[in-house]
Amino acid sequence: MGDPQGDDNKVQVDRVLTSLDVSDLWEHADENERRTPLDELLQDVTVHPDRLPETPHGAPTPNVGFSEVGLNDSELSGVGGPS
């Protein structure tokens, strides 16, 4: 069975998150307050226009071509396709 206290906390967090008006918060935020969540997001995002990065835990990151996962290959692929 689940933890009743933990379940209650999850319900409280859910209520707070669903009641937030993100548009209103964003509108009233200054430039630094807007930049912080974007910086935190972008520090963990790597863009490869011709491949999908796959990150298995504890292993080097292989690059997976779009066609390898059932998608159409990118027209932005370099010579020789994805690496």
Foldseek 3Di string as FASTA:
>chain_A
DDDPVVVVVVVVVVVVVVPDDVVVVVVPDDPVVVVVVVVVVVVPDDDDQFWDWDDDPPDDIDTHGQVNVPHDTGPPADPPGDD
